[in-house]
Amino acid sequence: MERDPPLVFNGVVIERDGCYIGYVEELPGANTQGRTIEEVTANLREAIKLTLRANRMLAERDLKQKEQSGEISPQKVTRKQISVPAA
């Protein structure tokens, strides 16, 4: 079975006062800092994972609250995993 290639994000690294800060253009909240570009790059990989995980948890909590409040009917909700090949 062939695997989809990984998604590729645009990381921006800026040198500031002898250290580096980095963020992911497509993913607000995924940002970090480090002493080297390599450290920032590694930290950005982790920030991407953590931000996606946190966003998923927040979305699941929001959906559950809407179902419990009656705002939406659980019978009308379909959840699917969607695979997206890298652009």
PDB file of N, CA and C in Angstrom:
ATOM      1  N   MET A   1       0.843  -1.183   0.000  1.00  0.00           N
ATOM      2  CA  MET A   1       0.000   0.000   0.000  1.00  0.00           C
ATOM      3  C   MET A   1       0.893   1.253   0.000  1.00  0.00           C
ATOM      4  N   GLU A   2       0.623   2.132  -0.939  1.00  0.00           N
ATOM      5  CA  GLU A   2       1.406   3.339  -1.066  1.00  0.00           C
ATOM      6  C   GLU A   2       0.909   4.397  -0.087  1.00  0.00           C
ATOM      7  N   ARG A   3       1.825   5.059   0.578  1.00  0.00           N
ATOM      8  CA  ARG A   3       1.473   6.111   1.522  1.00  0.00           C
ATOM      9  C   ARG A   3       1.478   7.456   0.819  1.00  0.00           C
ATOM     10  N   ASP A   4       0.569   8.328   1.246  1.00  0.00           N
ATOM     11  CA  ASP A   4       0.591   9.694   0.732  1.00  0.00           C
ATOM     12  C   ASP A   4       1.857  10.381   1.223  1.00  0.00           C
ATOM     13  N   PRO A   5       2.429  11.253   0.402  1.00  0.00           N
ATOM     14  CA  PRO A   5       3.580  12.007   0.896  1.00  0.00           C
ATOM     15  C   PRO A   5       3.126  12.914   2.045  1.00  0.00           C
ATOM     16  N   PRO A   6       4.037  13.305   2.904  1.00  0.00           N
ATOM     17  CA  PRO A   6       3.633  14.164   4.025  1.00  0.00           C
ATOM     18  C   PRO A   6       3.201  15.543   3.540  1.00  0.00           C
ATOM     19  N   LEU A   7       2.348  16.168   4.325  1.00  0.00           N
ATOM     20  CA  LEU A   7       2.005  17.555   4.028  1.00  0.00           C
ATOM     21  C   LEU A   7       3.234  18.415   4.255  1.00  0.00           C
ATOM     22  N   VAL A   8       3.362  19.457   3.485  1.00  0.00           N
ATOM     23  CA  VAL A   8       4.493  20.363   3.616  1.00  0.00           C
ATOM     24  C   VAL A   8       3.956  21.735   3.998  1.00  0.00           C
ATOM     25  N   PHE A   9       4.495  22.287   5.078  1.00  0.00           N
ATOM     26  CA  PHE A   9       4.080  23.602   5.551  1.00  0.00           C
ATOM     27  C   PHE A   9       5.203  24.597   5.296  1.00  0.00           C
ATOM     28  N   ASN A  10       4.849  25.871   5.254  1.00  0.00           N
ATOM     29  CA  ASN A  10       5.836  26.930   5.065  1.00  0.00           C
ATOM     30  C   ASN A  10       6.242  27.495   6.416  1.00  0.00           C
ATOM     31  N   GLY A  11       7.454  27.165   6.831  1.00  0.00           N
ATOM     32  CA  GLY A  11       7.987  27.714   8.066  1.00  0.00           C
ATOM     33  C   GLY A  11       8.774  28.977   7.764  1.00  0.00           C
ATOM     34  N   VAL A  12       8.578  29.991   8.585  1.00  0.00           N
ATOM     35  CA  VAL A  12       9.316  31.240   8.450  1.00  0.00           C
ATOM     36  C   VAL A  12      10.213  31.361   9.678  1.00  0.00           C
ATOM     37  N   VAL A  13      11.507  31.568   9.449  1.00  0.00           N
ATOM     38  CA  VAL A  13      12.460  31.717  10.544  1.00  0.00           C
ATOM     39  C   VAL A  13      13.101  33.095  10.413  1.00  0.00           C
ATOM     40  N   ILE A  14      13.086  33.832  11.509  1.00  0.00           N
ATOM     41  CA  ILE A  14      13.609  35.194  11.518  1.00  0.00           C
ATOM     42  C   ILE A  14      14.697  35.298  12.593  1.00  0.00           C
ATOM     43  N   GLU A  15      15.845  35.823  12.212  1.00  0.00           N
ATOM     44  CA  GLU A  15      16.903  36.044  13.192  1.00  0.00           C
ATOM     45  C   GLU A  15      16.624  37.361  13.905  1.00  0.00           C
ATOM     46  N   ARG A  16      16.685  37.297  15.228  1.00  0.00           N
ATOM     47  CA  ARG A  16      16.426  38.505  16.007  1.00  0.00           C
ATOM     48  C   ARG A  16      17.291  38.482  17.262  1.00  0.00           C
ATOM     49  N   ASP A  17      18.161  39.457  17.389  1.00  0.00           N
ATOM     50  CA  ASP A  17      19.006  39.621  18.579  1.00  0.00           C
ATOM     51  C   ASP A  17      19.785  38.353  18.930  1.00  0.00           C
ATOM     52  N   GLY A  18      20.361  37.697  17.920  1.00  0.00           N
ATOM     53  CA  GLY A  18      21.209  36.541  18.160  1.00  0.00           C
ATOM     54  C   GLY A  18      20.477  35.224  18.369  1.00  0.00           C
ATOM     55  N   CYS A  19      19.153  35.221  18.287  1.00  0.00           N
ATOM     56  CA  CYS A  19      18.412  33.963  18.348  1.00  0.00           C
ATOM     57  C   CYS A  19      17.418  33.948  17.190  1.00  0.00           C
ATOM     58  N   TYR A  20      16.630  32.904  17.099  1.00  0.00           N
ATOM     59  CA  TYR A  20      15.720  32.740  15.973  1.00  0.00           C
ATOM     60  C   TYR A  20      14.305  32.506  16.484  1.00  0.00           C
ATOM     61  N   ILE A  21      13.358  33.091  15.782  1.00  0.00           N
ATOM     62  CA  ILE A  21      11.950  32.810  16.038  1.00  0.00           C
ATOM     63  C   ILE A  21      11.383  32.212  14.756  1.00  0.00           C
ATOM     64  N   GLY A  22      10.398  31.364  14.900  1.00  0.00           N
ATOM     65  CA  GLY A  22       9.816  30.732  13.729  1.00  0.00           C
ATOM     66  C   GLY A  22       8.332  30.546  13.886  1.00  0.00           C
ATOM     67  N   TYR A  23       7.641  30.543  12.761  1.00  0.00           N
ATOM     68  CA  TYR A  23       6.209  30.279  12.754  1.00  0.00           C
ATOM     69  C   TYR A  23       5.830  29.606  11.444  1.00  0.00           C
ATOM     70  N   VAL A  24       4.651  29.010  11.431  1.00  0.00           N
ATOM     71  CA  VAL A  24       4.144  28.331  10.246  1.00  0.00           C
ATOM     72  C   VAL A  24       3.054  29.212   9.644  1.00  0.00           C
ATOM     73  N   GLU A  25       3.261  29.611   8.385  1.00  0.00           N
ATOM     74  CA  GLU A  25       2.340  30.549   7.733  1.00  0.00           C
ATOM     75  C   GLU A  25       0.896  30.038   7.707  1.00  0.00           C
ATOM     76  N   GLU A  26       0.713  28.758   7.419  1.00  0.00           N
ATOM     77  CA  GLU A  26      -0.635  28.223   7.229  1.00  0.00           C
ATOM     78  C   GLU A  26      -1.316  27.794   8.527  1.00  0.00           C
ATOM     79  N   LEU A  27      -0.618  27.887   9.640  1.00  0.00           N
ATOM     80  CA  LEU A  27      -1.143  27.301  10.871  1.00  0.00           C
ATOM     81  C   LEU A  27      -0.957  28.260  12.047  1.00  0.00           C
ATOM     82  N   PRO A  28      -1.882  29.215  12.200  1.00  0.00           N
ATOM     83  CA  PRO A  28      -1.771  30.140  13.331  1.00  0.00           C
ATOM     84  C   PRO A  28      -1.636  29.367  14.648  1.00  0.00           C
ATOM     85  N   GLY A  29      -0.739  29.813  15.474  1.00  0.00           N
ATOM     86  CA  GLY A  29      -0.503  29.157  16.751  1.00  0.00           C
ATOM     87  C   GLY A  29       0.726  28.270  16.741  1.00  0.00           C
ATOM     88  N   ALA A  30       1.194  27.891  15.572  1.00  0.00           N
ATOM     89  CA  ALA A  30       2.397  27.052  15.479  1.00  0.00           C
ATOM     90  C   ALA A  30       3.600  27.979  15.363  1.00  0.00           C
ATOM     91  N   ASN A  31       4.188  28.303  16.506  1.00  0.00           N
ATOM     92  CA  ASN A  31       5.351  29.177  16.514  1.00  0.00           C
ATOM     93  C   ASN A  31       6.289  28.749  17.632  1.00  0.00           C
ATOM     94  N   THR A  32       7.542  29.164  17.518  1.00  0.00           N
ATOM     95  CA  THR A  32       8.549  28.721  18.471  1.00  0.00           C
ATOM     96  C   THR A  32       9.766  29.628  18.386  1.00  0.00           C
ATOM     97  N   GLN A  33      10.782  29.261  19.125  1.00  0.00           N
ATOM     98  CA  GLN A  33      12.061  29.975  19.069  1.00  0.00           C
ATOM     99  C   GLN A  33      13.191  28.991  19.313  1.00  0.00           C
ATOM    100  N   GLY A  34      14.423  29.432  19.076  1.00  0.00           N
ATOM    101  CA  GLY A  34      15.569  28.566  19.308  1.00  0.00           C
ATOM    102  C   GLY A  34      16.866  29.302  19.092  1.00  0.00           C
ATOM    103  N   ARG A  35      17.959  28.621  19.428  1.00  0.00           N
ATOM    104  CA  ARG A  35      19.291  29.227  19.290  1.00  0.00           C
ATOM    105  C   ARG A  35      19.847  29.092  17.879  1.00  0.00           C
ATOM    106  N   THR A  36      19.343  28.096  17.136  1.00  0.00           N
ATOM    107  CA  THR A  36      19.823  27.880  15.764  1.00  0.00           C
ATOM    108  C   THR A  36      18.627  27.641  14.847  1.00  0.00           C
ATOM    109  N   ILE A  37      18.874  27.756  13.546  1.00  0.00           N
ATOM    110  CA  ILE A  37      17.815  27.477  12.572  1.00  0.00           C
ATOM    111  C   ILE A  37      17.390  26.018  12.674  1.00  0.00           C
ATOM    112  N   GLU A  38      18.345  25.123  12.891  1.00  0.00           N
ATOM    113  CA  GLU A  38      18.020  23.702  13.014  1.00  0.00           C
ATOM    114  C   GLU A  38      17.132  23.443  14.228  1.00  0.00           C
ATOM    115  N   GLU A  39      17.428  24.105  15.345  1.00  0.00           N
ATOM    116  CA  GLU A  39      16.612  23.936  16.549  1.00  0.00           C
ATOM    117  C   GLU A  39      15.195  24.465  16.318  1.00  0.00           C
ATOM    118  N   VAL A  40      15.086  25.615  15.670  1.00  0.00           N
ATOM    119  CA  VAL A  40      13.767  26.177  15.373  1.00  0.00           C
ATOM    120  C   VAL A  40      12.992  25.252  14.436  1.00  0.00           C
ATOM    121  N   THR A  41      13.672  24.694  13.448  1.00  0.00           N
ATOM    122  CA  THR A  41      13.012  23.781  12.515  1.00  0.00           C
ATOM    123  C   THR A  41      12.464  22.567  13.249  1.00  0.00           C
ATOM    124  N   ALA A  42      13.260  21.973  14.128  1.00  0.00           N
ATOM    125  CA  ALA A  42      12.792  20.832  14.915  1.00  0.00           C
ATOM    126  C   ALA A  42      11.631  21.240  15.821  1.00  0.00           C
ATOM    127  N   ASN A  43      11.742  22.409  16.438  1.00  0.00           N
ATOM    128  CA  ASN A  43      10.673  22.894  17.306  1.00  0.00           C
ATOM    129  C   ASN A  43       9.392  23.162  16.517  1.00  0.00           C
ATOM    130  N   LEU A  44       9.535  23.631  15.271  1.00  0.00           N
ATOM    131  CA  LEU A  44       8.347  23.878  14.442  1.00  0.00           C
ATOM    132  C   LEU A  44       7.632  22.569  14.100  1.00  0.00           C
ATOM    133  N   ARG A  45       8.393  21.511  13.862  1.00  0.00           N
ATOM    134  CA  ARG A  45       7.758  20.206  13.608  1.00  0.00           C
ATOM    135  C   ARG A  45       6.882  19.810  14.796  1.00  0.00           C
ATOM    136  N   GLU A  46       7.420  19.975  15.976  1.00  0.00           N
ATOM    137  CA  GLU A  46       6.663  19.649  17.195  1.00  0.00           C
ATOM    138  C   GLU A  46       5.480  20.603  17.362  1.00  0.00           C
ATOM    139  N   ALA A  47       5.679  21.886  17.079  1.00  0.00           N
ATOM    140  CA  ALA A  47       4.601  22.870  17.197  1.00  0.00           C
ATOM    141  C   ALA A  47       3.453  22.547  16.238  1.00  0.00           C
ATOM    142  N   ILE A  48       3.779  22.070  15.042  1.00  0.00           N
ATOM    143  CA  ILE A  48       2.746  21.689  14.080  1.00  0.00           C
ATOM    144  C   ILE A  48       1.915  20.547  14.653  1.00  0.00           C
ATOM    145  N   LYS A  49       2.585  19.513  15.159  1.00  0.00           N
ATOM    146  CA  LYS A  49       1.870  18.369  15.732  1.00  0.00           C
ATOM    147  C   LYS A  49       0.978  18.802  16.888  1.00  0.00           C
ATOM    148  N   LEU A  50       1.531  19.607  17.796  1.00  0.00           N
ATOM    149  CA  LEU A  50       0.772  20.029  18.971  1.00  0.00           C
ATOM    150  C   LEU A  50      -0.399  20.934  18.599  1.00  0.00           C
ATOM    151  N   THR A  51      -0.185  21.828  17.638  1.00  0.00           N
ATOM    152  CA  THR A  51      -1.259  22.734  17.224  1.00  0.00           C
ATOM    153  C   THR A  51      -2.386  21.968  16.546  1.00  0.00           C
ATOM    154  N   LEU A  52      -2.046  21.023  15.666  1.00  0.00           N
ATOM    155  CA  LEU A  52      -3.085  20.216  15.018  1.00  0.00           C
ATOM    156  C   LEU A  52      -3.844  19.384  16.045  1.00  0.00           C
ATOM    157  N   ARG A  53      -3.133  18.794  17.000  1.00  0.00           N
ATOM    158  CA  ARG A  53      -3.776  17.996  18.043  1.00  0.00           C
ATOM    159  C   ARG A  53      -4.707  18.869  18.896  1.00  0.00           C
ATOM    160  N   ALA A  54      -4.238  20.054  19.290  1.00  0.00           N
ATOM    161  CA  ALA A  54      -5.058  20.960  20.100  1.00  0.00           C
ATOM    162  C   ALA A  54      -6.282  21.431  19.319  1.00  0.00           C
ATOM    163  N   ASN A  55      -6.106  21.753  18.037  1.00  0.00           N
ATOM    164  CA  ASN A  55      -7.245  22.190  17.217  1.00  0.00           C
ATOM    165  C   ASN A  55      -8.283  21.079  17.087  1.00  0.00           C
ATOM    166  N   ARG A  56      -7.830  19.840  16.949  1.00  0.00           N
ATOM    167  CA  ARG A  56      -8.753  18.712  16.861  1.00  0.00           C
ATOM    168  C   ARG A  56      -9.538  18.564  18.170  1.00  0.00           C
ATOM    169  N   MET A  57      -8.847  18.659  19.290  1.00  0.00           N
ATOM    170  CA  MET A  57      -9.513  18.531  20.586  1.00  0.00           C
ATOM    171  C   MET A  57     -10.540  19.644  20.793  1.00  0.00           C
ATOM    172  N   LEU A  58     -10.186  20.866  20.418  1.00  0.00           N
ATOM    173  CA  LEU A  58     -11.118  21.988  20.550  1.00  0.00           C
ATOM    174  C   LEU A  58     -12.340  21.797  19.653  1.00  0.00           C
ATOM    175  N   ALA A  59     -12.111  21.324  18.429  1.00  0.00           N
ATOM    176  CA  ALA A  59     -13.222  21.099  17.499  1.00  0.00           C
ATOM    177  C   ALA A  59     -14.139  19.998  18.012  1.00  0.00           C
ATOM    178  N   GLU A  60     -13.565  18.924  18.546  1.00  0.00           N
ATOM    179  CA  GLU A  60     -14.380  17.833  19.086  1.00  0.00           C
ATOM    180  C   GLU A  60     -15.195  18.311  20.283  1.00  0.00           C
ATOM    181  N   ARG A  61     -14.580  19.107  21.151  1.00  0.00           N
ATOM    182  CA  ARG A  61     -15.293  19.649  22.320  1.00  0.00           C
ATOM    183  C   ARG A  61     -16.440  20.558  21.879  1.00  0.00           C
ATOM    184  N   ASP A  62     -16.178  21.407  20.876  1.00  0.00           N
ATOM    185  CA  ASP A  62     -17.200  22.316  20.376  1.00  0.00           C
ATOM    186  C   ASP A  62     -18.372  21.546  19.778  1.00  0.00           C
ATOM    187  N   LEU A  63     -18.072  20.511  18.998  1.00  0.00           N
ATOM    188  CA  LEU A  63     -19.124  19.700  18.388  1.00  0.00           C
ATOM    189  C   LEU A  63     -19.961  19.009  19.468  1.00  0.00           C
ATOM    190  N   LYS A  64     -19.305  18.456  20.459  1.00  0.00           N
ATOM    191  CA  LYS A  64     -20.006  17.769  21.541  1.00  0.00           C
ATOM    192  C   LYS A  64     -20.927  18.736  22.300  1.00  0.00           C
ATOM    193  N   GLN A  65     -20.447  19.937  22.568  1.00  0.00           N
ATOM    194  CA  GLN A  65     -21.270  20.941  23.247  1.00  0.00           C
ATOM    195  C   GLN A  65     -22.494  21.312  22.410  1.00  0.00           C
ATOM    196  N   LYS A  66     -22.304  21.438  21.115  1.00  0.00           N
ATOM    197  CA  LYS A  66     -23.437  21.775  20.238  1.00  0.00           C
ATOM    198  C   LYS A  66     -24.446  20.640  20.195  1.00  0.00           C
ATOM    199  N   GLU A  67     -23.953  19.395  20.215  1.00  0.00           N
ATOM    200  CA  GLU A  67     -24.866  18.253  20.244  1.00  0.00           C
ATOM    201  C   GLU A  67     -25.618  18.207  21.572  1.00  0.00           C
ATOM    202  N   GLN A  68     -24.932  18.416  22.674  1.00  0.00           N
ATOM    203  CA  GLN A  68     -25.559  18.362  23.990  1.00  0.00           C
ATOM    204  C   GLN A  68     -26.564  19.490  24.201  1.00  0.00           C
ATOM    205  N   SER A  69     -26.302  20.639  23.615  1.00  0.00           N
ATOM    206  CA  SER A  69     -27.215  21.775  23.773  1.00  0.00           C
ATOM    207  C   SER A  69     -28.418  21.680  22.842  1.00  0.00           C
ATOM    208  N   GLY A  70     -28.370  20.762  21.883  1.00  0.00           N
ATOM    209  CA  GLY A  70     -29.456  20.630  20.926  1.00  0.00           C
ATOM    210  C   GLY A  70     -29.315  21.544  19.727  1.00  0.00           C
ATOM    211  N   GLU A  71     -28.215  22.285  19.662  1.00  0.00           N
ATOM    212  CA  GLU A  71     -27.979  23.181  18.526  1.00  0.00           C
ATOM    213  C   GLU A  71     -27.888  22.394  17.226  1.00  0.00           C
ATOM    214  N   ILE A  72     -27.280  21.197  17.306  1.00  0.00           N
ATOM    215  CA  ILE A  72     -27.245  20.300  16.157  1.00  0.00           C
ATOM    216  C   ILE A  72     -27.632  18.903  16.623  1.00  0.00           C
ATOM    217  N   SER A  73     -28.169  18.126  15.724  1.00  0.00           N
ATOM    218  CA  SER A  73     -28.586  16.766  16.043  1.00  0.00           C
ATOM    219  C   SER A  73     -27.442  15.799  15.778  1.00  0.00           C
ATOM    220  N   PRO A  74     -27.084  14.961  16.778  1.00  0.00           N
ATOM    221  CA  PRO A  74     -26.011  13.995  16.560  1.00  0.00           C
ATOM    222  C   PRO A  74     -26.279  13.070  15.376  1.00  0.00           C
ATOM    223  N   GLN A  75     -27.538  12.815  15.059  1.00  0.00           N
ATOM    224  CA  GLN A  75     -27.872  11.943  13.935  1.00  0.00           C
ATOM    225  C   GLN A  75     -27.547  12.596  12.590  1.00  0.00           C
ATOM    226  N   LYS A  76     -27.348  13.888  12.589  1.00  0.00           N
ATOM    227  CA  LYS A  76     -27.068  14.594  11.328  1.00  0.00           C
ATOM    228  C   LYS A  76     -25.585  14.912  11.170  1.00  0.00           C
ATOM    229  N   VAL A  77     -24.766  14.356  12.057  1.00  0.00           N
ATOM    230  CA  VAL A  77     -23.325  14.624  12.010  1.00  0.00           C
ATOM    231  C   VAL A  77     -22.600  13.394  11.479  1.00  0.00           C
ATOM    232  N   THR A  78     -21.785  13.589  10.475  1.00  0.00           N
ATOM    233  CA  THR A  78     -20.940  12.532   9.949  1.00  0.00           C
ATOM    234  C   THR A  78     -19.502  12.991  10.069  1.00  0.00           C
ATOM    235  N   ARG A  79     -18.641  12.149  10.642  1.00  0.00           N
ATOM    236  CA  ARG A  79     -17.228  12.456  10.761  1.00  0.00           C
ATOM    237  C   ARG A  79     -16.455  11.501   9.867  1.00  0.00           C
ATOM    238  N   LYS A  80     -15.507  12.055   9.118  1.00  0.00           N
ATOM    239  CA  LYS A  80     -14.678  11.257   8.212  1.00  0.00           C
ATOM    240  C   LYS A  80     -13.241  11.742   8.301  1.00  0.00           C
ATOM    241  N   GLN A  81     -12.322  10.818   8.243  1.00  0.00           N
ATOM    242  CA  GLN A  81     -10.925  11.185   8.120  1.00  0.00           C
ATOM    243  C   GLN A  81     -10.652  11.490   6.644  1.00  0.00           C
ATOM    244  N   ILE A  82      -9.948  12.550   6.405  1.00  0.00           N
ATOM    245  CA  ILE A  82      -9.663  12.995   5.034  1.00  0.00           C
ATOM    246  C   ILE A  82      -8.159  13.081   4.861  1.00  0.00           C
ATOM    247  N   SER A  83      -7.631  12.361   3.897  1.00  0.00           N
ATOM    248  CA  SER A  83      -6.218  12.386   3.597  1.00  0.00           C
ATOM    249  C   SER A  83      -5.966  13.409   2.496  1.00  0.00           C
ATOM    250  N   VAL A  84      -4.956  14.224   2.690  1.00  0.00           N
ATOM    251  CA  VAL A  84      -4.642  15.269   1.708  1.00  0.00           C
ATOM    252  C   VAL A  84      -3.187  15.110   1.296  1.00  0.00           C
ATOM    253  N   PRO A  85      -2.951  14.856   0.022  1.00  0.00           N
ATOM    254  CA  PRO A  85      -1.549  14.750  -0.414  1.00  0.00           C
ATOM    255  C   PRO A  85      -0.893  16.128  -0.371  1.00  0.00           C
ATOM    256  N   ALA A  86       0.404  16.106  -0.220  1.00  0.00           N
ATOM    257  CA  ALA A  86       1.152  17.373  -0.187  1.00  0.00           C
ATOM    258  C   ALA A  86       1.000  18.113  -1.489  1.00  0.00           C
ATOM    259  N   ALA A  87       0.938  19.429  -1.383  1.00  0.00           N
ATOM    260  CA  ALA A  87       0.774  20.270  -2.579  1.00  0.00           C
ATOM    261  C   ALA A  87       2.107  20.520  -3.237  1.00  0.00           C
TER     262      ALA A  87
END
